[in-house]
């Protein structure tokens, strides 16, 4: 049962990371961080994160690297996601949800409710519900370097149709300069998952 909980947590985490990538932000010093547009991305832009998931007993259940890159595919700008390429025009569509992952523009002190319903590949349905707050905007250092970043805290629960229910707390660090998160920490039922940016490059900027 504990194994199933951990496995479920990892699958959910992967989904969250993808959602975060697709809802990243750019910066406006007077208005806060706003959702990026198609012109904010450049061919060759490349992000690499390292990730690690550890059980309460100290067993490593997931560890490795995850990468995203901006490419030009038949004249269409896209982001590589594993074996797929998602058009940037899809990534930058405004989110219309009343319970969004991010409340634009991002500003320190802003609060909102995030809620997401999902269905896994095996047909299991679930809901994630969290209270979000932007805690700070300051310099943060990760493997890829030092960036100005927003720290966003999410506190809430996740449940599914199989009777699973757990406290799920997360902290995300977003760097508007590179339109992405640079670090994420999640705890769920004692399972600890971390993801940190270790490399970033943009051939169009020196």
N, C-alpha and C. Protein backbone atom coordinates (compact mmCIF):
# COMPACT_ATOMS: atom_id res chain seq x y z
N UNK A 1 0.82 -1.20 0.00
CA UNK A 1 0.00 0.00 0.00
C UNK A 1 0.86 1.25 0.00
N UNK A 2 1.93 1.24 0.84
CA UNK A 2 2.83 2.39 0.85
C UNK A 2 3.48 2.59 -0.52
N UNK A 3 3.82 1.47 -1.16
CA UNK A 3 4.43 1.57 -2.49
C UNK A 3 3.48 2.23 -3.47
N UNK A 4 2.19 1.85 -3.41
CA UNK A 4 1.21 2.43 -4.32
C UNK A 4 1.08 3.92 -4.07
N UNK A 5 1.13 4.32 -2.81
CA UNK A 5 1.02 5.74 -2.49
C UNK A 5 2.20 6.51 -3.07
N UNK A 6 3.39 5.94 -2.91
CA UNK A 6 4.58 6.61 -3.43
C UNK A 6 4.53 6.68 -4.95
N UNK A 7 4.14 5.58 -5.59
CA UNK A 7 4.06 5.55 -7.05
C UNK A 7 3.05 6.58 -7.54
N UNK A 8 1.90 6.64 -6.86
CA UNK A 8 0.88 7.62 -7.22
C UNK A 8 1.43 9.03 -7.07
N UNK A 9 2.17 9.26 -5.97
CA UNK A 9 2.73 10.58 -5.75
C UNK A 9 3.69 10.98 -6.84
N UNK A 10 4.51 10.03 -7.28
CA UNK A 10 5.48 10.35 -8.34
C UNK A 10 4.79 10.69 -9.64
N UNK A 11 3.77 9.91 -10.01
CA UNK A 11 3.03 10.20 -11.25
C UNK A 11 2.44 11.60 -11.18
N UNK A 12 1.87 11.95 -10.05
CA UNK A 12 1.27 13.27 -9.90
C UNK A 12 2.32 14.36 -10.00
N UNK A 13 3.50 14.09 -9.42
CA UNK A 13 4.57 15.07 -9.47
C UNK A 13 4.98 15.36 -10.90
N UNK A 14 5.14 14.31 -11.70
CA UNK A 14 5.51 14.49 -13.10
C UNK A 14 4.49 15.39 -13.81
N UNK A 15 3.23 15.13 -13.56
CA UNK A 15 2.18 15.96 -14.17
C UNK A 15 2.30 17.41 -13.73
N UNK A 16 2.60 17.62 -12.46
CA UNK A 16 2.72 18.97 -11.95
C UNK A 16 3.88 19.72 -12.59
N UNK A 17 4.99 19.00 -12.76
CA UNK A 17 6.15 19.64 -13.38
C UNK A 17 5.82 20.11 -14.79
N UNK A 18 5.13 19.26 -15.55
CA UNK A 18 4.75 19.65 -16.90
C UNK A 18 3.81 20.84 -16.88
N UNK A 19 2.83 20.82 -15.98
CA UNK A 19 1.92 21.96 -15.86
C UNK A 19 2.69 23.23 -15.55
N UNK A 20 3.64 23.12 -14.64
CA UNK A 20 4.42 24.30 -14.28
C UNK A 20 5.18 24.86 -15.46
N UNK A 21 5.78 23.98 -16.24
CA UNK A 21 6.50 24.44 -17.42
C UNK A 21 5.58 25.19 -18.37
N UNK A 22 4.38 24.68 -18.53
CA UNK A 22 3.47 25.25 -19.50
C UNK A 22 2.80 26.52 -19.00
N UNK A 23 3.04 26.86 -17.75
CA UNK A 23 2.43 28.06 -17.19
C UNK A 23 3.49 28.97 -16.60
N UNK A 24 4.70 28.94 -17.15
CA UNK A 24 5.78 29.75 -16.61
C UNK A 24 5.57 31.23 -16.91
N UNK A 25 6.50 32.08 -16.43
CA UNK A 25 6.19 33.51 -16.47
C UNK A 25 7.36 34.37 -16.92
N UNK A 26 7.05 35.62 -17.33
CA UNK A 26 8.04 36.63 -17.63
C UNK A 26 7.80 37.81 -16.70
N UNK A 27 8.74 38.75 -16.63
CA UNK A 27 8.70 39.75 -15.58
C UNK A 27 8.42 41.15 -16.08
N UNK A 28 7.62 41.87 -15.31
CA UNK A 28 7.40 43.30 -15.48
C UNK A 28 7.60 43.90 -14.11
N UNK A 29 8.61 44.73 -13.92
CA UNK A 29 8.98 45.19 -12.59
C UNK A 29 7.89 45.97 -11.88
N UNK A 30 7.01 46.64 -12.60
CA UNK A 30 5.99 47.46 -11.97
C UNK A 30 4.67 46.72 -11.81
N UNK A 31 4.41 45.74 -12.67
CA UNK A 31 3.13 45.04 -12.64
C UNK A 31 3.23 43.60 -12.14
N UNK A 32 4.42 43.16 -11.80
CA UNK A 32 4.60 41.78 -11.38
C UNK A 32 4.97 40.90 -12.56
N UNK A 33 4.94 39.59 -12.34
CA UNK A 33 5.30 38.65 -13.40
C UNK A 33 4.06 38.27 -14.18
N UNK A 34 4.16 38.36 -15.50
CA UNK A 34 3.03 38.05 -16.37
C UNK A 34 3.34 36.82 -17.22
N UNK A 35 2.31 36.19 -17.72
CA UNK A 35 2.50 35.00 -18.55
C UNK A 35 3.23 35.38 -19.84
N UNK A 36 4.20 34.57 -20.27
CA UNK A 36 4.99 34.91 -21.45
C UNK A 36 4.18 34.79 -22.74
N UNK A 37 4.72 35.38 -23.79
CA UNK A 37 4.11 35.29 -25.11
C UNK A 37 5.03 34.49 -26.02
N UNK A 38 4.58 34.22 -27.21
CA UNK A 38 5.34 33.44 -28.18
C UNK A 38 6.72 34.05 -28.43
N UNK A 39 6.80 35.38 -28.49
CA UNK A 39 8.06 36.06 -28.82
C UNK A 39 9.09 36.03 -27.69
N UNK A 40 8.68 35.57 -26.51
CA UNK A 40 9.62 35.49 -25.39
C UNK A 40 10.55 34.28 -25.49
N UNK A 41 10.21 33.32 -26.35
CA UNK A 41 11.00 32.09 -26.47
C UNK A 41 11.94 32.15 -27.67
N UNK A 42 13.09 31.47 -27.56
CA UNK A 42 14.09 31.47 -28.62
C UNK A 42 14.49 30.05 -28.98
N UNK A 43 14.68 29.79 -30.28
CA UNK A 43 15.15 28.47 -30.71
C UNK A 43 16.50 28.17 -30.07
N UNK A 44 16.63 26.99 -29.52
CA UNK A 44 17.88 26.59 -28.87
C UNK A 44 17.87 26.78 -27.37
N UNK A 45 16.89 27.49 -26.84
CA UNK A 45 16.79 27.68 -25.39
C UNK A 45 16.62 26.31 -24.73
N UNK A 46 17.35 26.08 -23.63
CA UNK A 46 17.47 24.72 -23.10
C UNK A 46 17.51 24.74 -21.57
N UNK A 47 16.66 23.93 -20.95
CA UNK A 47 16.60 23.79 -19.49
C UNK A 47 16.87 22.33 -19.12
N UNK A 48 17.65 22.11 -18.06
CA UNK A 48 17.87 20.75 -17.55
C UNK A 48 17.72 20.77 -16.02
N UNK A 49 16.85 19.89 -15.51
CA UNK A 49 16.66 19.75 -14.06
C UNK A 49 17.15 18.38 -13.60
N UNK A 50 17.59 18.30 -12.35
CA UNK A 50 17.80 17.01 -11.71
C UNK A 50 16.65 16.79 -10.73
N UNK A 51 16.22 15.54 -10.57
CA UNK A 51 15.12 15.26 -9.65
C UNK A 51 15.44 14.04 -8.80
N UNK A 52 14.80 14.01 -7.63
CA UNK A 52 15.02 12.89 -6.71
C UNK A 52 13.82 12.74 -5.80
N UNK A 53 13.33 11.52 -5.65
CA UNK A 53 12.22 11.23 -4.77
C UNK A 53 12.62 10.20 -3.73
N UNK A 54 12.37 10.49 -2.44
CA UNK A 54 12.83 9.64 -1.36
C UNK A 54 11.67 9.30 -0.42
N UNK A 55 11.55 8.03 -0.03
CA UNK A 55 10.49 7.59 0.88
C UNK A 55 10.85 8.00 2.31
N UNK A 56 9.88 7.93 3.24
CA UNK A 56 10.17 8.25 4.64
C UNK A 56 11.27 7.36 5.24
N UNK A 57 11.45 6.18 4.66
CA UNK A 57 12.49 5.26 5.14
C UNK A 57 13.86 5.54 4.53
N UNK A 58 13.93 6.53 3.66
CA UNK A 58 15.20 6.89 3.04
C UNK A 58 15.49 6.19 1.73
N UNK A 59 14.52 5.42 1.23
CA UNK A 59 14.73 4.71 -0.04
C UNK A 59 14.50 5.65 -1.22
N UNK A 60 15.45 5.70 -2.14
CA UNK A 60 15.32 6.52 -3.35
C UNK A 60 14.44 5.79 -4.35
N UNK A 61 13.27 6.37 -4.67
CA UNK A 61 12.34 5.73 -5.60
C UNK A 61 12.42 6.33 -7.00
N UNK A 62 12.95 7.53 -7.12
CA UNK A 62 13.08 8.15 -8.45
C UNK A 62 14.26 9.10 -8.42
N UNK A 63 15.07 9.06 -9.48
CA UNK A 63 16.24 9.93 -9.55
C UNK A 63 16.69 10.02 -11.00
N UNK A 64 17.02 11.24 -11.44
CA UNK A 64 17.49 11.39 -12.81
C UNK A 64 17.48 12.84 -13.24
N UNK A 65 17.44 13.04 -14.57
CA UNK A 65 17.42 14.38 -15.14
C UNK A 65 16.26 14.51 -16.10
N UNK A 66 15.74 15.73 -16.21
CA UNK A 66 14.63 16.05 -17.10
C UNK A 66 15.02 17.29 -17.89
N UNK A 67 14.77 17.30 -19.19
CA UNK A 67 15.19 18.42 -20.03
C UNK A 67 14.07 18.91 -20.93
N UNK A 68 14.13 20.19 -21.26
CA UNK A 68 13.21 20.82 -22.22
C UNK A 68 14.04 21.70 -23.15
N UNK A 69 13.63 21.76 -24.41
CA UNK A 69 14.36 22.58 -25.38
C UNK A 69 13.40 23.20 -26.37
N UNK A 70 13.71 24.42 -26.81
CA UNK A 70 12.89 25.11 -27.80
C UNK A 70 13.44 24.80 -29.19
N UNK A 71 12.56 24.32 -30.07
CA UNK A 71 12.97 23.93 -31.42
C UNK A 71 12.03 24.56 -32.45
N UNK A 72 12.50 24.58 -33.69
CA UNK A 72 11.67 25.02 -34.81
C UNK A 72 11.31 23.78 -35.61
N UNK A 73 10.04 23.41 -35.59
CA UNK A 73 9.57 22.20 -36.26
C UNK A 73 8.64 22.59 -37.40
N UNK A 74 9.16 22.51 -38.63
CA UNK A 74 8.39 22.87 -39.81
C UNK A 74 7.82 24.28 -39.71
N UNK A 75 8.66 25.18 -39.20
CA UNK A 75 8.25 26.58 -39.12
C UNK A 75 7.45 26.95 -37.89
N UNK A 76 7.21 25.97 -37.02
CA UNK A 76 6.43 26.21 -35.80
C UNK A 76 7.35 26.08 -34.59
N UNK A 77 7.35 27.10 -33.74
CA UNK A 77 8.17 27.08 -32.54
C UNK A 77 7.53 26.14 -31.51
N UNK A 78 8.34 25.22 -30.96
CA UNK A 78 7.80 24.25 -30.01
C UNK A 78 8.77 23.94 -28.89
N UNK A 79 8.25 23.29 -27.84
CA UNK A 79 9.06 22.85 -26.72
C UNK A 79 9.06 21.32 -26.68
N UNK A 80 10.25 20.74 -26.62
CA UNK A 80 10.34 19.28 -26.53
C UNK A 80 9.97 18.83 -25.13
N UNK A 81 9.10 17.82 -25.04
CA UNK A 81 8.69 17.22 -23.78
C UNK A 81 8.79 15.72 -23.97
N UNK A 82 9.87 15.12 -23.48
CA UNK A 82 10.18 13.72 -23.73
C UNK A 82 10.19 13.47 -25.24
N UNK A 83 9.28 12.62 -25.76
CA UNK A 83 9.28 12.32 -27.18
C UNK A 83 8.33 13.20 -27.99
N UNK A 84 7.70 14.16 -27.34
CA UNK A 84 6.75 15.03 -28.01
C UNK A 84 7.30 16.44 -28.15
N UNK A 85 6.71 17.19 -29.07
CA UNK A 85 7.01 18.61 -29.21
C UNK A 85 5.70 19.38 -29.15
N UNK A 86 5.56 20.25 -28.16
CA UNK A 86 4.33 21.00 -27.95
C UNK A 86 4.50 22.41 -28.47
N UNK A 87 3.59 22.89 -29.35
CA UNK A 87 3.70 24.24 -29.88
C UNK A 87 3.71 25.29 -28.77
N UNK A 88 4.59 26.28 -28.88
CA UNK A 88 4.65 27.34 -27.88
C UNK A 88 3.33 28.11 -27.84
N UNK A 89 2.65 28.18 -28.97
CA UNK A 89 1.35 28.88 -29.00
C UNK A 89 0.35 28.22 -28.05
N UNK A 90 0.47 26.90 -27.85
CA UNK A 90 -0.39 26.20 -26.89
C UNK A 90 0.05 26.48 -25.46
N UNK A 91 1.36 26.52 -25.25
CA UNK A 91 1.90 26.74 -23.92
C UNK A 91 1.53 28.13 -23.39
N UNK A 92 1.49 29.11 -24.28
CA UNK A 92 1.27 30.49 -23.85
C UNK A 92 -0.19 30.93 -23.89
N UNK A 93 -1.11 29.99 -24.10
CA UNK A 93 -2.54 30.34 -24.04
C UNK A 93 -2.91 30.78 -22.63
N UNK A 94 -3.64 31.87 -22.48
CA UNK A 94 -4.05 32.32 -21.14
C UNK A 94 -4.89 31.25 -20.43
N UNK A 95 -4.64 31.06 -19.13
CA UNK A 95 -5.41 30.11 -18.35
C UNK A 95 -6.70 30.76 -17.88
N UNK A 96 -7.84 30.12 -18.16
CA UNK A 96 -9.13 30.70 -17.84
C UNK A 96 -9.78 30.10 -16.60
N UNK A 97 -9.10 29.18 -15.95
CA UNK A 97 -9.65 28.53 -14.77
C UNK A 97 -9.88 29.52 -13.63
N UNK A 98 -10.93 29.27 -12.83
CA UNK A 98 -11.20 30.08 -11.64
C UNK A 98 -10.33 29.65 -10.46
N UNK A 99 -9.68 28.50 -10.60
CA UNK A 99 -8.76 28.00 -9.57
C UNK A 99 -7.44 27.64 -10.24
N UNK A 100 -6.71 28.63 -10.74
CA UNK A 100 -5.53 28.38 -11.58
C UNK A 100 -4.29 27.96 -10.80
N UNK A 101 -3.35 27.38 -11.53
CA UNK A 101 -2.03 27.09 -10.96
C UNK A 101 -1.36 28.40 -10.55
N UNK A 102 -1.47 29.45 -11.40
CA UNK A 102 -0.88 30.75 -11.09
C UNK A 102 -1.92 31.85 -11.25
N UNK A 103 -1.86 32.82 -10.39
CA UNK A 103 -2.73 33.99 -10.48
C UNK A 103 -1.91 35.13 -11.06
N UNK A 104 -2.21 35.47 -12.32
CA UNK A 104 -1.42 36.50 -13.01
C UNK A 104 -1.99 37.88 -12.76
N UNK A 105 -1.11 38.90 -12.66
CA UNK A 105 0.36 38.78 -12.57
C UNK A 105 0.77 38.33 -11.18
N UNK A 106 1.90 37.64 -11.11
CA UNK A 106 2.42 37.18 -9.82
C UNK A 106 2.96 38.37 -9.04
N UNK A 107 2.52 38.52 -7.80
CA UNK A 107 2.99 39.58 -6.92
C UNK A 107 3.16 39.04 -5.51
N UNK A 108 4.15 39.52 -4.81
CA UNK A 108 4.38 39.09 -3.44
C UNK A 108 3.16 39.43 -2.60
N UNK A 109 2.69 38.46 -1.83
CA UNK A 109 1.53 38.66 -0.98
C UNK A 109 0.22 38.17 -1.57
N UNK A 110 0.19 37.91 -2.87
CA UNK A 110 -1.04 37.44 -3.52
C UNK A 110 -1.39 36.03 -3.03
N UNK A 111 -2.69 35.77 -2.85
CA UNK A 111 -3.16 34.45 -2.44
C UNK A 111 -4.31 34.01 -3.35
N UNK A 112 -4.48 32.70 -3.50
CA UNK A 112 -5.58 32.17 -4.29
C UNK A 112 -5.72 30.67 -4.01
N UNK A 113 -6.78 30.09 -4.52
CA UNK A 113 -7.00 28.64 -4.40
C UNK A 113 -6.68 27.96 -5.72
N UNK A 114 -5.86 26.92 -5.65
CA UNK A 114 -5.54 26.13 -6.84
C UNK A 114 -6.26 24.79 -6.72
N UNK A 115 -6.97 24.41 -7.77
CA UNK A 115 -7.64 23.11 -7.78
C UNK A 115 -7.53 22.50 -9.17
N UNK A 116 -7.21 21.22 -9.19
CA UNK A 116 -7.03 20.52 -10.46
C UNK A 116 -7.63 19.13 -10.36
N UNK A 117 -8.49 18.79 -11.33
CA UNK A 117 -9.03 17.43 -11.42
C UNK A 117 -8.29 16.71 -12.55
N UNK A 118 -8.05 15.40 -12.37
CA UNK A 118 -7.26 14.68 -13.35
C UNK A 118 -7.72 13.23 -13.44
N UNK A 119 -7.30 12.59 -14.54
CA UNK A 119 -7.56 11.17 -14.75
C UNK A 119 -6.25 10.52 -15.20
N UNK A 120 -5.83 9.47 -14.51
CA UNK A 120 -4.58 8.79 -14.85
C UNK A 120 -4.81 7.80 -15.98
N UNK A 121 -3.73 7.21 -16.48
CA UNK A 121 -3.81 6.29 -17.61
C UNK A 121 -4.65 5.06 -17.31
N UNK A 122 -4.70 4.66 -16.03
CA UNK A 122 -5.48 3.47 -15.68
C UNK A 122 -6.94 3.78 -15.35
N UNK A 123 -7.34 5.05 -15.55
CA UNK A 123 -8.73 5.43 -15.31
C UNK A 123 -9.01 5.99 -13.93
N UNK A 124 -8.03 5.98 -13.06
CA UNK A 124 -8.21 6.55 -11.73
C UNK A 124 -8.40 8.06 -11.84
N UNK A 125 -9.42 8.59 -11.15
CA UNK A 125 -9.66 10.03 -11.14
C UNK A 125 -9.21 10.61 -9.80
N UNK A 126 -8.90 11.89 -9.80
CA UNK A 126 -8.44 12.51 -8.55
C UNK A 126 -8.60 14.01 -8.57
N UNK A 127 -8.38 14.59 -7.40
CA UNK A 127 -8.47 16.04 -7.24
C UNK A 127 -7.34 16.53 -6.35
N UNK A 128 -6.72 17.61 -6.76
CA UNK A 128 -5.72 18.28 -5.96
C UNK A 128 -6.26 19.65 -5.62
N UNK A 129 -6.26 20.02 -4.34
CA UNK A 129 -6.77 21.30 -3.90
C UNK A 129 -5.79 21.92 -2.91
N UNK A 130 -5.32 23.13 -3.20
CA UNK A 130 -4.31 23.77 -2.36
C UNK A 130 -4.54 25.27 -2.27
N UNK A 131 -4.13 25.84 -1.14
CA UNK A 131 -4.11 27.29 -0.97
C UNK A 131 -2.72 27.79 -1.33
N UNK A 132 -2.66 28.77 -2.22
CA UNK A 132 -1.38 29.26 -2.73
C UNK A 132 -1.09 30.68 -2.24
N UNK A 133 0.19 30.96 -2.05
CA UNK A 133 0.60 32.31 -1.65
C UNK A 133 1.99 32.60 -2.18
N UNK A 134 2.18 33.81 -2.74
CA UNK A 134 3.50 34.25 -3.19
C UNK A 134 4.21 34.85 -1.98
N UNK A 135 5.28 34.19 -1.54
CA UNK A 135 5.96 34.57 -0.31
C UNK A 135 7.02 35.65 -0.50
N UNK A 136 7.75 35.59 -1.61
CA UNK A 136 8.86 36.52 -1.79
C UNK A 136 9.28 36.62 -3.24
N UNK A 137 10.09 37.63 -3.53
CA UNK A 137 10.74 37.77 -4.83
C UNK A 137 12.14 38.27 -4.55
N UNK A 138 13.12 37.38 -4.69
CA UNK A 138 14.50 37.73 -4.35
C UNK A 138 15.48 36.80 -5.05
N UNK A 139 16.77 37.07 -4.90
CA UNK A 139 17.79 36.22 -5.51
C UNK A 139 17.77 34.82 -4.89
N UNK A 140 17.82 33.81 -5.76
CA UNK A 140 17.87 32.43 -5.32
C UNK A 140 18.97 31.72 -6.12
N UNK A 141 19.73 30.87 -5.46
CA UNK A 141 20.84 30.18 -6.12
C UNK A 141 20.56 28.68 -6.21
N UNK A 142 20.70 28.14 -7.42
CA UNK A 142 20.55 26.70 -7.68
C UNK A 142 21.75 26.26 -8.50
N UNK A 143 21.75 25.01 -8.93
CA UNK A 143 22.88 24.49 -9.68
C UNK A 143 23.18 25.26 -10.96
N UNK A 144 22.14 25.80 -11.59
CA UNK A 144 22.31 26.52 -12.85
C UNK A 144 22.78 27.95 -12.67
N UNK A 145 22.80 28.44 -11.42
CA UNK A 145 23.24 29.81 -11.19
C UNK A 145 22.32 30.55 -10.23
N UNK A 146 22.43 31.87 -10.22
CA UNK A 146 21.64 32.73 -9.34
C UNK A 146 20.64 33.53 -10.16
N UNK A 147 19.37 33.50 -9.74
CA UNK A 147 18.30 34.17 -10.47
C UNK A 147 17.38 34.89 -9.49
N UNK A 148 16.76 35.97 -9.96
CA UNK A 148 15.67 36.57 -9.21
C UNK A 148 14.47 35.64 -9.39
N UNK A 149 13.84 35.26 -8.28
CA UNK A 149 12.76 34.27 -8.37
C UNK A 149 11.66 34.54 -7.36
N UNK A 150 10.44 34.20 -7.75
CA UNK A 150 9.29 34.22 -6.85
C UNK A 150 9.23 32.88 -6.12
N UNK A 151 8.97 32.94 -4.82
CA UNK A 151 8.73 31.73 -4.05
C UNK A 151 7.23 31.61 -3.81
N UNK A 152 6.64 30.51 -4.27
CA UNK A 152 5.21 30.28 -4.13
C UNK A 152 4.98 29.03 -3.32
N UNK A 153 4.17 29.15 -2.28
CA UNK A 153 3.86 28.03 -1.40
C UNK A 153 2.45 27.53 -1.69
N UNK A 154 2.30 26.20 -1.80
CA UNK A 154 1.00 25.56 -1.99
C UNK A 154 0.78 24.58 -0.85
N UNK A 155 -0.33 24.74 -0.12
CA UNK A 155 -0.63 23.85 1.00
C UNK A 155 -2.04 23.28 0.81
N UNK A 156 -2.16 21.95 0.82
CA UNK A 156 -3.48 21.37 0.62
C UNK A 156 -3.46 19.86 0.63
N UNK A 157 -4.36 19.28 -0.16
CA UNK A 157 -4.51 17.82 -0.17
C UNK A 157 -4.66 17.30 -1.59
N UNK A 158 -4.45 15.99 -1.73
CA UNK A 158 -4.70 15.30 -2.98
C UNK A 158 -5.46 14.02 -2.64
N UNK A 159 -6.43 13.67 -3.47
CA UNK A 159 -7.22 12.46 -3.23
C UNK A 159 -7.55 11.82 -4.56
N UNK A 160 -7.88 10.50 -4.52
CA UNK A 160 -8.28 9.84 -5.76
C UNK A 160 -9.45 8.90 -5.53
N UNK A 161 -9.95 8.35 -6.62
CA UNK A 161 -11.14 7.52 -6.57
C UNK A 161 -10.90 6.16 -5.93
N UNK A 162 -9.67 5.84 -5.61
CA UNK A 162 -9.35 4.57 -4.94
C UNK A 162 -9.25 4.73 -3.42
N UNK A 163 -9.64 5.90 -2.93
CA UNK A 163 -9.64 6.12 -1.49
C UNK A 163 -8.38 6.72 -0.92
N UNK A 164 -7.44 7.08 -1.80
CA UNK A 164 -6.19 7.70 -1.33
C UNK A 164 -6.45 9.16 -0.99
N UNK A 165 -5.91 9.62 0.15
CA UNK A 165 -6.06 11.00 0.57
C UNK A 165 -4.82 11.40 1.35
N UNK A 166 -4.17 12.48 0.97
CA UNK A 166 -2.92 12.84 1.64
C UNK A 166 -2.72 14.35 1.64
N UNK A 167 -2.02 14.81 2.66
CA UNK A 167 -1.57 16.20 2.70
C UNK A 167 -0.48 16.37 1.65
N UNK A 168 -0.57 17.42 0.86
CA UNK A 168 0.40 17.67 -0.19
C UNK A 168 0.84 19.13 -0.12
N UNK A 169 2.08 19.35 0.31
CA UNK A 169 2.63 20.70 0.44
C UNK A 169 3.78 20.88 -0.54
N UNK A 170 3.82 22.03 -1.18
CA UNK A 170 4.84 22.28 -2.20
C UNK A 170 5.38 23.70 -2.08
N UNK A 171 6.63 23.88 -2.51
CA UNK A 171 7.24 25.20 -2.65
C UNK A 171 7.90 25.25 -4.01
N UNK A 172 7.50 26.25 -4.81
CA UNK A 172 8.04 26.43 -6.16
C UNK A 172 8.82 27.74 -6.22
N UNK A 173 9.98 27.73 -6.86
CA UNK A 173 10.76 28.93 -7.11
C UNK A 173 10.78 29.20 -8.61
N UNK A 174 10.24 30.36 -9.01
CA UNK A 174 10.13 30.70 -10.43
C UNK A 174 11.03 31.88 -10.78
N UNK A 175 11.79 31.73 -11.85
CA UNK A 175 12.66 32.80 -12.33
C UNK A 175 12.08 33.38 -13.62
N UNK A 176 11.46 34.56 -13.57
CA UNK A 176 10.86 35.16 -14.76
C UNK A 176 11.85 35.33 -15.92
N UNK A 177 13.11 35.59 -15.59
CA UNK A 177 14.13 35.80 -16.62
C UNK A 177 14.23 34.63 -17.59
N UNK A 178 14.04 33.40 -17.08
CA UNK A 178 14.17 32.23 -17.95
C UNK A 178 12.83 31.52 -18.17
N UNK A 179 11.75 32.17 -17.73
CA UNK A 179 10.39 31.69 -18.01
C UNK A 179 10.14 30.29 -17.47
N UNK A 180 10.68 30.00 -16.30
CA UNK A 180 10.54 28.65 -15.77
C UNK A 180 10.82 28.58 -14.29
N UNK A 181 10.47 27.45 -13.68
CA UNK A 181 10.81 27.23 -12.28
C UNK A 181 12.25 26.76 -12.19
N UNK A 182 12.92 27.14 -11.09
CA UNK A 182 14.31 26.73 -10.91
C UNK A 182 14.45 25.70 -9.78
N UNK A 183 13.39 25.58 -8.96
CA UNK A 183 13.42 24.58 -7.90
C UNK A 183 12.00 24.28 -7.44
N UNK A 184 11.77 23.01 -7.09
CA UNK A 184 10.48 22.60 -6.55
C UNK A 184 10.71 21.55 -5.47
N UNK A 185 10.02 21.72 -4.34
CA UNK A 185 10.07 20.74 -3.26
C UNK A 185 8.65 20.34 -2.91
N UNK A 186 8.39 19.05 -2.84
CA UNK A 186 7.06 18.56 -2.50
C UNK A 186 7.15 17.48 -1.43
N UNK A 187 6.26 17.54 -0.46
CA UNK A 187 6.12 16.47 0.52
C UNK A 187 4.70 15.95 0.43
N UNK A 188 4.56 14.63 0.36
CA UNK A 188 3.24 14.00 0.28
C UNK A 188 3.28 12.67 1.03
N UNK A 189 2.57 12.64 2.16
CA UNK A 189 2.53 11.42 2.96
C UNK A 189 3.92 10.96 3.36
N UNK A 190 4.81 11.92 3.63
CA UNK A 190 6.17 11.58 4.02
C UNK A 190 7.13 11.39 2.87
N UNK A 191 6.60 11.28 1.65
CA UNK A 191 7.44 11.12 0.47
C UNK A 191 7.98 12.49 0.07
N UNK A 192 9.29 12.63 -0.06
CA UNK A 192 9.92 13.91 -0.37
C UNK A 192 10.45 13.89 -1.79
N UNK A 193 10.06 14.90 -2.55
CA UNK A 193 10.50 15.01 -3.95
C UNK A 193 11.08 16.39 -4.17
N UNK A 194 12.27 16.43 -4.80
CA UNK A 194 12.93 17.69 -5.13
C UNK A 194 13.29 17.73 -6.60
N UNK A 195 13.18 18.90 -7.18
CA UNK A 195 13.63 19.10 -8.55
C UNK A 195 14.35 20.44 -8.61
N UNK A 196 15.53 20.46 -9.23
CA UNK A 196 16.34 21.68 -9.26
C UNK A 196 16.98 21.87 -10.62
N UNK A 197 16.94 23.11 -11.12
CA UNK A 197 17.56 23.42 -12.40
C UNK A 197 19.08 23.37 -12.26
N UNK A 198 19.72 22.59 -13.12
CA UNK A 198 21.18 22.47 -13.04
C UNK A 198 21.88 23.09 -14.25
N UNK A 199 21.14 23.28 -15.34
CA UNK A 199 21.72 23.93 -16.52
C UNK A 199 20.64 24.72 -17.27
N UNK A 200 21.04 25.89 -17.73
CA UNK A 200 20.16 26.69 -18.59
C UNK A 200 21.03 27.40 -19.61
N UNK A 201 20.59 27.40 -20.86
CA UNK A 201 21.34 28.11 -21.89
C UNK A 201 20.37 28.70 -22.92
N UNK A 202 20.77 29.84 -23.44
CA UNK A 202 20.02 30.50 -24.50
C UNK A 202 21.03 31.07 -25.49
N UNK A 203 21.21 30.45 -26.65
CA UNK A 203 22.24 30.87 -27.60
C UNK A 203 22.02 32.27 -28.16
N UNK A 204 20.84 32.82 -27.95
CA UNK A 204 20.54 34.16 -28.47
C UNK A 204 20.85 35.27 -27.47
N UNK A 205 21.31 34.88 -26.26
CA UNK A 205 21.68 35.87 -25.26
C UNK A 205 23.09 35.61 -24.79
N UNK A 206 23.85 36.66 -24.65
CA UNK A 206 25.24 36.54 -24.21
C UNK A 206 25.38 37.02 -22.77
